[in-house]
Amino acid sequence: MSECKLDHTHEDVKNKYQSVSAFLPEDMKPLFDQFFSEEHTQDLLNDVFHLLKKYDLAAEDEKTTRNNRLYMVLKNV
């Protein structure tokens, strides 16, 4: 994933999540509910946004990598 200079808001991340949620593992969705109920650093919001960006178009091996990173973030916030 390329480096982005934009700071993504909580709302940006939520909108991106909603746009790709149908493609995410079902057991990840409650973790996102918890994630969105809390405040997070700008770096974390940017990271999650970019893990979700074009998730639906990613190859299966890329999805696996992104899922692993998302689980790591979501389970440790």
C-alpha atoms as a PDB file:
ATOM      1  CA  MET A   1       0.000   0.000   0.000  1.00  0.00           C
ATOM      2  CA  SER A   2       1.295   3.401  -0.881  1.00  0.00           C
ATOM      3  CA  GLU A   3       1.913   6.127   1.654  1.00  0.00           C
ATOM      4  CA  CYS A   4      -0.849   8.724   1.903  1.00  0.00           C
ATOM      5  CA  LYS A   5      -0.352  12.238   3.221  1.00  0.00           C
ATOM      6  CA  LEU A   6      -4.030  12.762   4.077  1.00  0.00           C
ATOM      7  CA  ASP A   7      -5.337  12.449   7.609  1.00  0.00           C
ATOM      8  CA  HIS A   8      -8.537  10.427   7.660  1.00  0.00           C
ATOM      9  CA  THR A   9     -11.257  11.239  10.164  1.00  0.00           C
ATOM     10  CA  HIS A  10     -13.174   8.799  12.327  1.00  0.00           C
ATOM     11  CA  GLU A  11     -16.089   9.350   9.920  1.00  0.00           C
ATOM     12  CA  ASP A  12     -13.892   8.634   6.856  1.00  0.00           C
ATOM     13  CA  VAL A  13     -12.838   5.316   8.371  1.00  0.00           C
ATOM     14  CA  LYS A  14     -16.423   4.435   9.282  1.00  0.00           C
ATOM     15  CA  ASN A  15     -17.638   5.227   5.753  1.00  0.00           C
ATOM     16  CA  LYS A  16     -14.836   3.166   4.220  1.00  0.00           C
ATOM     17  CA  TYR A  17     -15.676   0.282   6.565  1.00  0.00           C
ATOM     18  CA  GLN A  18     -19.346   0.442   5.589  1.00  0.00           C
ATOM     19  CA  SER A  19     -18.445   0.380   1.899  1.00  0.00           C
ATOM     20  CA  VAL A  20     -16.406  -2.850   2.219  1.00  0.00           C
ATOM     21  CA  SER A  21     -18.032  -4.536   5.227  1.00  0.00           C
ATOM     22  CA  ALA A  22     -19.791  -7.123   3.054  1.00  0.00           C
ATOM     23  CA  PHE A  23     -16.355  -8.423   2.025  1.00  0.00           C
ATOM     24  CA  LEU A  24     -14.877  -8.649   5.556  1.00  0.00           C
ATOM     25  CA  PRO A  25     -14.944 -11.758   7.750  1.00  0.00           C
ATOM     26  CA  GLU A  26     -18.132 -11.882   9.856  1.00  0.00           C
ATOM     27  CA  ASP A  27     -16.205 -12.254  13.123  1.00  0.00           C
ATOM     28  CA  MET A  28     -14.398  -8.979  12.435  1.00  0.00           C
ATOM     29  CA  LYS A  29     -17.582  -6.889  12.409  1.00  0.00           C
ATOM     30  CA  PRO A  30     -18.159  -6.812  16.210  1.00  0.00           C
ATOM     31  CA  LEU A  31     -14.518  -5.736  16.591  1.00  0.00           C
ATOM     32  CA  PHE A  32     -15.219  -2.776  14.322  1.00  0.00           C
ATOM     33  CA  ASP A  33     -18.310  -1.900  16.384  1.00  0.00           C
ATOM     34  CA  GLN A  34     -16.044  -1.683  19.422  1.00  0.00           C
ATOM     35  CA  PHE A  35     -13.399   0.235  17.455  1.00  0.00           C
ATOM     36  CA  PHE A  36     -15.897   2.885  16.364  1.00  0.00           C
ATOM     37  CA  SER A  37     -17.194   3.372  19.901  1.00  0.00           C
ATOM     38  CA  GLU A  38     -13.792   4.719  20.980  1.00  0.00           C
ATOM     39  CA  GLU A  39     -11.414   7.544  20.061  1.00  0.00           C
ATOM     40  CA  HIS A  40      -8.143   6.697  18.298  1.00  0.00           C
ATOM     41  CA  THR A  41      -4.910   8.355  17.293  1.00  0.00           C
ATOM     42  CA  GLN A  42      -4.597   9.862  13.836  1.00  0.00           C
ATOM     43  CA  ASP A  43      -1.964   7.285  12.884  1.00  0.00           C
ATOM     44  CA  LEU A  44      -4.273   4.432  13.823  1.00  0.00           C
ATOM     45  CA  LEU A  45      -7.200   5.920  11.904  1.00  0.00           C
ATOM     46  CA  ASN A  46      -4.992   6.345   8.834  1.00  0.00           C
ATOM     47  CA  ASP A  47      -3.685   2.765   9.110  1.00  0.00           C
ATOM     48  CA  VAL A  48      -7.156   1.254   9.381  1.00  0.00           C
ATOM     49  CA  PHE A  49      -8.453   3.401   6.521  1.00  0.00           C
ATOM     50  CA  HIS A  50      -5.691   2.153   4.227  1.00  0.00           C
ATOM     51  CA  LEU A  51      -6.180  -1.457   5.234  1.00  0.00           C
ATOM     52  CA  LEU A  52      -9.832  -1.098   4.233  1.00  0.00           C
ATOM     53  CA  LYS A  53      -9.186   0.922   1.070  1.00  0.00           C
ATOM     54  CA  LYS A  54      -9.982  -1.176  -2.029  1.00  0.00           C
ATOM     55  CA  TYR A  55     -10.266  -4.244   0.211  1.00  0.00           C
ATOM     56  CA  ASP A  56     -12.962  -5.648  -2.058  1.00  0.00           C
ATOM     57  CA  LEU A  57     -10.568  -5.536  -5.039  1.00  0.00           C
ATOM     58  CA  ALA A  58      -7.576  -7.105  -3.276  1.00  0.00           C
ATOM     59  CA  ALA A  59      -6.300 -10.560  -4.197  1.00  0.00           C
ATOM     60  CA  GLU A  60      -6.950 -13.323  -1.649  1.00  0.00           C
ATOM     61  CA  ASP A  61      -3.361 -13.321  -0.343  1.00  0.00           C
ATOM     62  CA  GLU A  62      -3.523  -9.546   0.096  1.00  0.00           C
ATOM     63  CA  LYS A  63      -6.849  -9.882   1.936  1.00  0.00           C
ATOM     64  CA  THR A  64      -5.263 -12.420   4.281  1.00  0.00           C
ATOM     65  CA  THR A  65      -2.417 -10.007   5.034  1.00  0.00           C
ATOM     66  CA  ARG A  66      -4.832  -7.140   5.607  1.00  0.00           C
ATOM     67  CA  ASN A  67      -7.090  -9.323   7.781  1.00  0.00           C
ATOM     68  CA  ASN A  68      -4.145 -10.274   9.971  1.00  0.00           C
ATOM     69  CA  ARG A  69      -3.175  -6.631  10.419  1.00  0.00           C
ATOM     70  CA  LEU A  70      -6.768  -5.577  11.067  1.00  0.00           C
ATOM     71  CA  TYR A  71      -7.242  -8.305  13.691  1.00  0.00           C
ATOM     72  CA  MET A  72      -4.020  -7.214  15.380  1.00  0.00           C
ATOM     73  CA  VAL A  73      -5.216  -3.598  15.525  1.00  0.00           C
ATOM     74  CA  LEU A  74      -8.824  -4.309  16.459  1.00  0.00           C
ATOM     75  CA  LYS A  75      -8.009  -6.762  19.223  1.00  0.00           C
ATOM     76  CA  ASN A  76      -5.432  -4.468  20.825  1.00  0.00           C
ATOM     77  CA  VAL A  77      -7.243  -1.131  21.027  1.00  0.00           C
END
